[in-house]
């Protein structure tokens, strides 16, 4: 690593700060996620979006890491927000309540009960 960054500069950084710069932040901040999310056909005031953020805030950091792996394939956020190139999206998906699939599921549930 000394051929990439001079040792004299490395000694100015703490181990934690250097790890953060190289690997990203170990803690997933919901506030940062709120800044980088994209909304499609729904806005951040929608009750489902509010419920989503409340749920994510209740997650432990380990659960947020799993969420990050699911939506982005990474387990940490970059140390600099500007380096986040892939933003996740929250989008509205309309479902038809009386579609054949939903009717089959409802019938199956009613038959089971």
N, C-alpha and C. Protein backbone atom coordinates (compact mmCIF):
# COMPACT_ATOMS: atom_id res chain seq x y z
N UNK A 1 0.82 -1.19 0.00
CA UNK A 1 0.00 0.00 0.00
C UNK A 1 0.87 1.26 0.00
N UNK A 2 2.08 1.15 0.49
CA UNK A 2 2.96 2.32 0.58
C UNK A 2 3.30 2.87 -0.80
N UNK A 3 3.21 2.07 -1.85
CA UNK A 3 3.49 2.60 -3.19
C UNK A 3 2.31 3.36 -3.76
N UNK A 4 1.10 3.19 -3.18
CA UNK A 4 -0.07 3.96 -3.60
C UNK A 4 -0.18 5.25 -2.81
N UNK A 5 -0.05 5.13 -1.50
CA UNK A 5 -0.14 6.29 -0.60
C UNK A 5 1.13 6.33 0.22
N UNK A 6 1.83 7.46 0.23
CA UNK A 6 3.06 7.55 1.02
C UNK A 6 2.81 7.26 2.49
N UNK A 7 3.73 6.54 3.11
CA UNK A 7 3.60 6.14 4.52
C UNK A 7 3.42 7.36 5.41
N UNK A 8 4.08 8.45 5.09
CA UNK A 8 3.94 9.66 5.92
C UNK A 8 2.50 10.17 5.94
N UNK A 9 1.78 10.01 4.84
CA UNK A 9 0.37 10.42 4.82
C UNK A 9 -0.52 9.41 5.56
N UNK A 10 -0.14 8.14 5.47
CA UNK A 10 -0.91 7.12 6.19
C UNK A 10 -0.85 7.35 7.69
N UNK A 11 0.27 7.81 8.16
CA UNK A 11 0.42 8.01 9.61
C UNK A 11 -0.45 9.17 10.11
N UNK A 12 -0.98 10.00 9.22
CA UNK A 12 -1.86 11.10 9.62
C UNK A 12 -3.30 10.64 9.83
N UNK A 13 -3.62 9.44 9.40
CA UNK A 13 -4.98 8.92 9.49
C UNK A 13 -5.08 7.89 10.62
N UNK A 14 -6.23 7.86 11.28
CA UNK A 14 -6.48 6.77 12.23
C UNK A 14 -6.87 5.53 11.43
N UNK A 15 -6.75 4.39 12.05
CA UNK A 15 -7.10 3.14 11.37
C UNK A 15 -8.58 3.15 10.97
N UNK A 16 -9.43 3.65 11.84
CA UNK A 16 -10.87 3.69 11.55
C UNK A 16 -11.17 4.61 10.37
N UNK A 17 -10.53 5.77 10.32
CA UNK A 17 -10.76 6.70 9.23
C UNK A 17 -10.25 6.13 7.90
N UNK A 18 -9.10 5.49 7.94
CA UNK A 18 -8.55 4.87 6.74
C UNK A 18 -9.46 3.75 6.24
N UNK A 19 -9.96 2.94 7.17
CA UNK A 19 -10.90 1.87 6.80
C UNK A 19 -12.16 2.46 6.16
N UNK A 20 -12.67 3.55 6.72
CA UNK A 20 -13.86 4.19 6.20
C UNK A 20 -13.62 4.72 4.78
N UNK A 21 -12.45 5.30 4.56
CA UNK A 21 -12.13 5.84 3.23
C UNK A 21 -12.00 4.73 2.19
N UNK A 22 -11.42 3.61 2.59
CA UNK A 22 -11.17 2.52 1.64
C UNK A 22 -12.40 1.62 1.47
N UNK A 23 -13.02 1.23 2.57
CA UNK A 23 -14.10 0.24 2.54
C UNK A 23 -15.50 0.82 2.59
N UNK A 24 -15.63 2.06 3.04
CA UNK A 24 -16.94 2.67 3.22
C UNK A 24 -17.34 2.67 4.68
N UNK A 25 -18.50 3.24 4.96
CA UNK A 25 -18.97 3.38 6.33
C UNK A 25 -19.54 2.06 6.83
N UNK A 26 -19.13 1.61 8.03
CA UNK A 26 -19.64 0.34 8.54
C UNK A 26 -21.09 0.41 9.00
N UNK A 27 -21.56 1.60 9.35
CA UNK A 27 -22.95 1.76 9.79
C UNK A 27 -23.78 2.33 8.65
N UNK A 28 -24.94 1.72 8.43
CA UNK A 28 -25.85 2.18 7.38
C UNK A 28 -26.79 3.21 7.98
N UNK A 29 -26.69 4.43 7.51
CA UNK A 29 -27.51 5.53 8.01
C UNK A 29 -28.78 5.66 7.19
N UNK A 30 -29.91 5.62 7.86
CA UNK A 30 -31.20 5.79 7.17
C UNK A 30 -31.29 7.20 6.61
N UNK A 31 -30.75 8.18 7.32
CA UNK A 31 -30.79 9.56 6.83
C UNK A 31 -30.05 9.69 5.50
N UNK A 32 -28.93 9.01 5.36
CA UNK A 32 -28.20 9.05 4.09
C UNK A 32 -28.99 8.33 3.01
N UNK A 33 -29.59 7.20 3.35
CA UNK A 33 -30.40 6.49 2.36
C UNK A 33 -31.55 7.37 1.87
N UNK A 34 -32.15 8.14 2.77
CA UNK A 34 -33.24 9.04 2.38
C UNK A 34 -32.76 10.10 1.39
N UNK A 35 -31.49 10.48 1.49
CA UNK A 35 -30.95 11.49 0.59
C UNK A 35 -30.65 10.96 -0.80
N UNK A 36 -30.43 9.65 -0.91
CA UNK A 36 -30.00 9.10 -2.20
C UNK A 36 -31.06 8.25 -2.89
N UNK A 37 -32.23 8.10 -2.29
CA UNK A 37 -33.28 7.28 -2.89
C UNK A 37 -33.93 8.04 -4.04
N UNK A 38 -34.44 7.28 -5.00
CA UNK A 38 -35.23 7.85 -6.10
C UNK A 38 -36.66 7.35 -5.95
N UNK A 39 -37.59 8.26 -6.12
CA UNK A 39 -39.01 7.89 -6.06
C UNK A 39 -39.57 7.91 -7.47
N UNK A 40 -40.36 6.89 -7.80
CA UNK A 40 -41.01 6.83 -9.12
C UNK A 40 -42.51 6.64 -8.91
N UNK A 41 -43.27 7.60 -9.40
CA UNK A 41 -44.73 7.59 -9.34
C UNK A 41 -45.27 7.54 -7.92
N UNK A 42 -44.48 7.99 -6.97
CA UNK A 42 -44.87 8.06 -5.56
C UNK A 42 -43.97 9.10 -4.92
N UNK A 43 -44.43 9.74 -3.88
CA UNK A 43 -43.56 10.73 -3.24
C UNK A 43 -43.26 10.33 -1.80
N UNK A 44 -42.35 11.06 -1.21
CA UNK A 44 -41.88 10.68 0.13
C UNK A 44 -42.92 10.92 1.22
N UNK A 45 -44.04 11.58 0.91
CA UNK A 45 -45.09 11.80 1.90
C UNK A 45 -46.16 10.71 1.88
N UNK A 46 -46.07 9.80 0.94
CA UNK A 46 -47.05 8.71 0.84
C UNK A 46 -46.95 7.84 2.09
N UNK A 47 -48.09 7.37 2.58
CA UNK A 47 -48.10 6.61 3.84
C UNK A 47 -47.27 5.32 3.75
N UNK A 48 -47.22 4.69 2.59
CA UNK A 48 -46.41 3.47 2.46
C UNK A 48 -44.91 3.78 2.51
N UNK A 49 -44.52 4.92 1.96
CA UNK A 49 -43.11 5.33 2.02
C UNK A 49 -42.73 5.66 3.46
N UNK A 50 -43.62 6.36 4.16
CA UNK A 50 -43.36 6.67 5.57
C UNK A 50 -43.23 5.39 6.39
N UNK A 51 -44.10 4.44 6.12
CA UNK A 51 -44.05 3.15 6.81
C UNK A 51 -42.73 2.43 6.51
N UNK A 52 -42.30 2.48 5.26
CA UNK A 52 -41.04 1.85 4.86
C UNK A 52 -39.88 2.44 5.65
N UNK A 53 -39.78 3.79 5.71
CA UNK A 53 -38.67 4.41 6.43
C UNK A 53 -38.74 4.12 7.93
N UNK A 54 -39.94 4.11 8.49
CA UNK A 54 -40.06 3.77 9.92
C UNK A 54 -39.58 2.35 10.18
N UNK A 55 -39.91 1.44 9.31
CA UNK A 55 -39.48 0.05 9.44
C UNK A 55 -37.98 -0.05 9.33
N UNK A 56 -37.40 0.62 8.36
CA UNK A 56 -35.95 0.58 8.16
C UNK A 56 -35.21 1.18 9.36
N UNK A 57 -35.77 2.22 9.97
CA UNK A 57 -35.16 2.81 11.16
C UNK A 57 -35.17 1.85 12.33
N UNK A 58 -36.16 0.96 12.38
CA UNK A 58 -36.24 -0.01 13.46
C UNK A 58 -35.30 -1.20 13.27
N UNK A 59 -34.77 -1.37 12.06
CA UNK A 59 -33.82 -2.45 11.79
C UNK A 59 -32.54 -2.23 12.58
N UNK A 60 -31.89 -3.31 12.94
CA UNK A 60 -30.54 -3.22 13.49
C UNK A 60 -29.59 -2.92 12.34
N UNK A 61 -28.36 -2.54 12.64
CA UNK A 61 -27.40 -2.26 11.57
C UNK A 61 -27.16 -3.51 10.72
N UNK A 62 -27.13 -4.67 11.35
CA UNK A 62 -26.94 -5.92 10.59
C UNK A 62 -28.08 -6.15 9.60
N UNK A 63 -29.30 -5.82 10.02
CA UNK A 63 -30.45 -5.96 9.11
C UNK A 63 -30.38 -4.92 7.99
N UNK A 64 -29.90 -3.72 8.30
CA UNK A 64 -29.74 -2.70 7.25
C UNK A 64 -28.67 -3.12 6.25
N UNK A 65 -27.62 -3.78 6.73
CA UNK A 65 -26.59 -4.29 5.83
C UNK A 65 -27.20 -5.32 4.88
N UNK A 66 -28.05 -6.21 5.40
CA UNK A 66 -28.73 -7.17 4.53
C UNK A 66 -29.63 -6.47 3.53
N UNK A 67 -30.31 -5.41 3.97
CA UNK A 67 -31.13 -4.62 3.04
C UNK A 67 -30.27 -4.03 1.94
N UNK A 68 -29.11 -3.45 2.31
CA UNK A 68 -28.21 -2.87 1.32
C UNK A 68 -27.73 -3.92 0.32
N UNK A 69 -27.41 -5.10 0.81
CA UNK A 69 -27.00 -6.17 -0.10
C UNK A 69 -28.12 -6.53 -1.07
N UNK A 70 -29.35 -6.49 -0.57
CA UNK A 70 -30.49 -6.83 -1.42
C UNK A 70 -30.71 -5.78 -2.51
N UNK A 71 -30.66 -4.49 -2.15
CA UNK A 71 -30.98 -3.45 -3.13
C UNK A 71 -29.80 -3.00 -3.98
N UNK A 72 -28.57 -3.22 -3.49
CA UNK A 72 -27.43 -2.68 -4.25
C UNK A 72 -26.27 -3.65 -4.44
N UNK A 73 -26.28 -4.76 -3.72
CA UNK A 73 -25.16 -5.70 -3.85
C UNK A 73 -23.95 -5.31 -3.02
N UNK A 74 -24.05 -4.26 -2.25
CA UNK A 74 -22.93 -3.84 -1.40
C UNK A 74 -23.36 -3.87 0.06
N UNK A 75 -22.40 -3.98 0.95
CA UNK A 75 -22.72 -4.05 2.37
C UNK A 75 -22.38 -2.77 3.12
N UNK A 76 -21.79 -1.81 2.43
CA UNK A 76 -21.44 -0.53 3.06
C UNK A 76 -21.74 0.61 2.10
N UNK A 77 -22.00 1.77 2.69
CA UNK A 77 -22.14 2.98 1.90
C UNK A 77 -20.77 3.62 1.75
N UNK A 78 -20.49 4.26 0.62
CA UNK A 78 -19.22 4.95 0.47
C UNK A 78 -19.06 6.04 1.54
N UNK A 79 -17.82 6.36 1.86
CA UNK A 79 -17.55 7.39 2.86
C UNK A 79 -18.07 8.75 2.39
N UNK A 80 -18.07 8.98 1.10
CA UNK A 80 -18.55 10.24 0.53
C UNK A 80 -19.86 9.96 -0.21
N UNK A 81 -20.91 10.67 0.17
CA UNK A 81 -22.23 10.45 -0.45
C UNK A 81 -22.18 10.65 -1.95
N UNK A 82 -21.34 11.56 -2.41
CA UNK A 82 -21.23 11.84 -3.84
C UNK A 82 -20.73 10.62 -4.62
N UNK A 83 -20.11 9.68 -3.93
CA UNK A 83 -19.59 8.48 -4.59
C UNK A 83 -20.64 7.39 -4.77
N UNK A 84 -21.85 7.63 -4.31
CA UNK A 84 -22.92 6.64 -4.48
C UNK A 84 -23.43 6.76 -5.91
N UNK A 85 -23.05 5.81 -6.73
CA UNK A 85 -23.42 5.87 -8.15
C UNK A 85 -24.72 5.13 -8.43
N UNK A 86 -25.03 4.15 -7.62
CA UNK A 86 -26.22 3.35 -7.85
C UNK A 86 -27.22 3.61 -6.72
N UNK A 87 -28.26 4.34 -7.04
CA UNK A 87 -29.29 4.66 -6.05
C UNK A 87 -30.41 3.64 -6.16
N UNK A 88 -30.99 3.30 -5.02
CA UNK A 88 -32.12 2.39 -5.10
C UNK A 88 -33.40 3.21 -5.30
N UNK A 89 -34.44 2.55 -5.75
CA UNK A 89 -35.68 3.23 -6.09
C UNK A 89 -36.84 2.68 -5.28
N UNK A 90 -37.73 3.58 -4.95
CA UNK A 90 -39.01 3.19 -4.39
C UNK A 90 -40.03 3.60 -5.43
N UNK A 91 -40.78 2.62 -5.91
CA UNK A 91 -41.72 2.93 -6.99
C UNK A 91 -43.09 2.35 -6.69
N UNK A 92 -44.08 3.01 -7.22
CA UNK A 92 -45.45 2.57 -7.04
C UNK A 92 -45.75 1.48 -8.05
N UNK A 93 -46.34 0.41 -7.57
CA UNK A 93 -46.75 -0.68 -8.43
C UNK A 93 -48.24 -0.89 -8.21
N UNK A 94 -49.01 -0.68 -9.25
CA UNK A 94 -50.45 -0.88 -9.15
C UNK A 94 -50.76 -2.36 -9.30
N UNK A 95 -51.62 -2.82 -8.45
CA UNK A 95 -52.08 -4.21 -8.55
C UNK A 95 -53.58 -4.19 -8.83
N UNK A 96 -53.97 -5.07 -9.69
CA UNK A 96 -55.40 -5.21 -9.97
C UNK A 96 -55.95 -6.21 -8.96
N UNK A 97 -56.90 -5.77 -8.16
CA UNK A 97 -57.42 -6.61 -7.08
C UNK A 97 -58.16 -7.84 -7.59
N UNK A 98 -58.74 -7.74 -8.74
CA UNK A 98 -59.56 -8.85 -9.22
C UNK A 98 -58.90 -9.58 -10.38
N UNK A 99 -57.58 -9.65 -10.36
CA UNK A 99 -56.89 -10.39 -11.41
C UNK A 99 -57.06 -11.88 -11.15
N UNK A 100 -56.91 -12.72 -12.16
CA UNK A 100 -57.06 -14.16 -11.98
C UNK A 100 -56.10 -14.73 -10.92
N UNK A 101 -54.90 -14.19 -10.85
CA UNK A 101 -53.94 -14.70 -9.86
C UNK A 101 -54.41 -14.36 -8.46
N UNK A 102 -54.84 -13.12 -8.23
CA UNK A 102 -55.32 -12.72 -6.91
C UNK A 102 -56.57 -13.51 -6.52
N UNK A 103 -57.45 -13.77 -7.47
CA UNK A 103 -58.64 -14.56 -7.17
C UNK A 103 -58.25 -15.98 -6.77
N UNK A 104 -57.27 -16.54 -7.46
CA UNK A 104 -56.82 -17.90 -7.13
C UNK A 104 -56.22 -17.95 -5.74
N UNK A 105 -55.42 -16.95 -5.43
CA UNK A 105 -54.79 -16.90 -4.09
C UNK A 105 -55.87 -16.74 -3.02
N UNK A 106 -56.80 -15.82 -3.24
CA UNK A 106 -57.86 -15.61 -2.26
C UNK A 106 -58.70 -16.85 -2.10
N UNK A 107 -59.00 -17.54 -3.18
CA UNK A 107 -59.80 -18.76 -3.10
C UNK A 107 -59.03 -19.83 -2.34
N UNK A 108 -57.73 -19.94 -2.60
CA UNK A 108 -56.91 -20.92 -1.91
C UNK A 108 -56.86 -20.64 -0.41
N UNK A 109 -56.72 -19.37 -0.06
CA UNK A 109 -56.69 -19.01 1.36
C UNK A 109 -58.02 -19.31 2.01
N UNK A 110 -59.12 -18.95 1.34
CA UNK A 110 -60.45 -19.22 1.91
C UNK A 110 -60.71 -20.71 2.04
N UNK A 111 -60.25 -21.50 1.08
CA UNK A 111 -60.44 -22.94 1.16
C UNK A 111 -59.60 -23.54 2.29
N UNK A 112 -58.43 -22.95 2.53
CA UNK A 112 -57.56 -23.46 3.57
C UNK A 112 -58.13 -23.18 4.96
N UNK A 113 -58.72 -22.01 5.10
CA UNK A 113 -59.26 -21.59 6.40
C UNK A 113 -60.55 -22.31 6.62
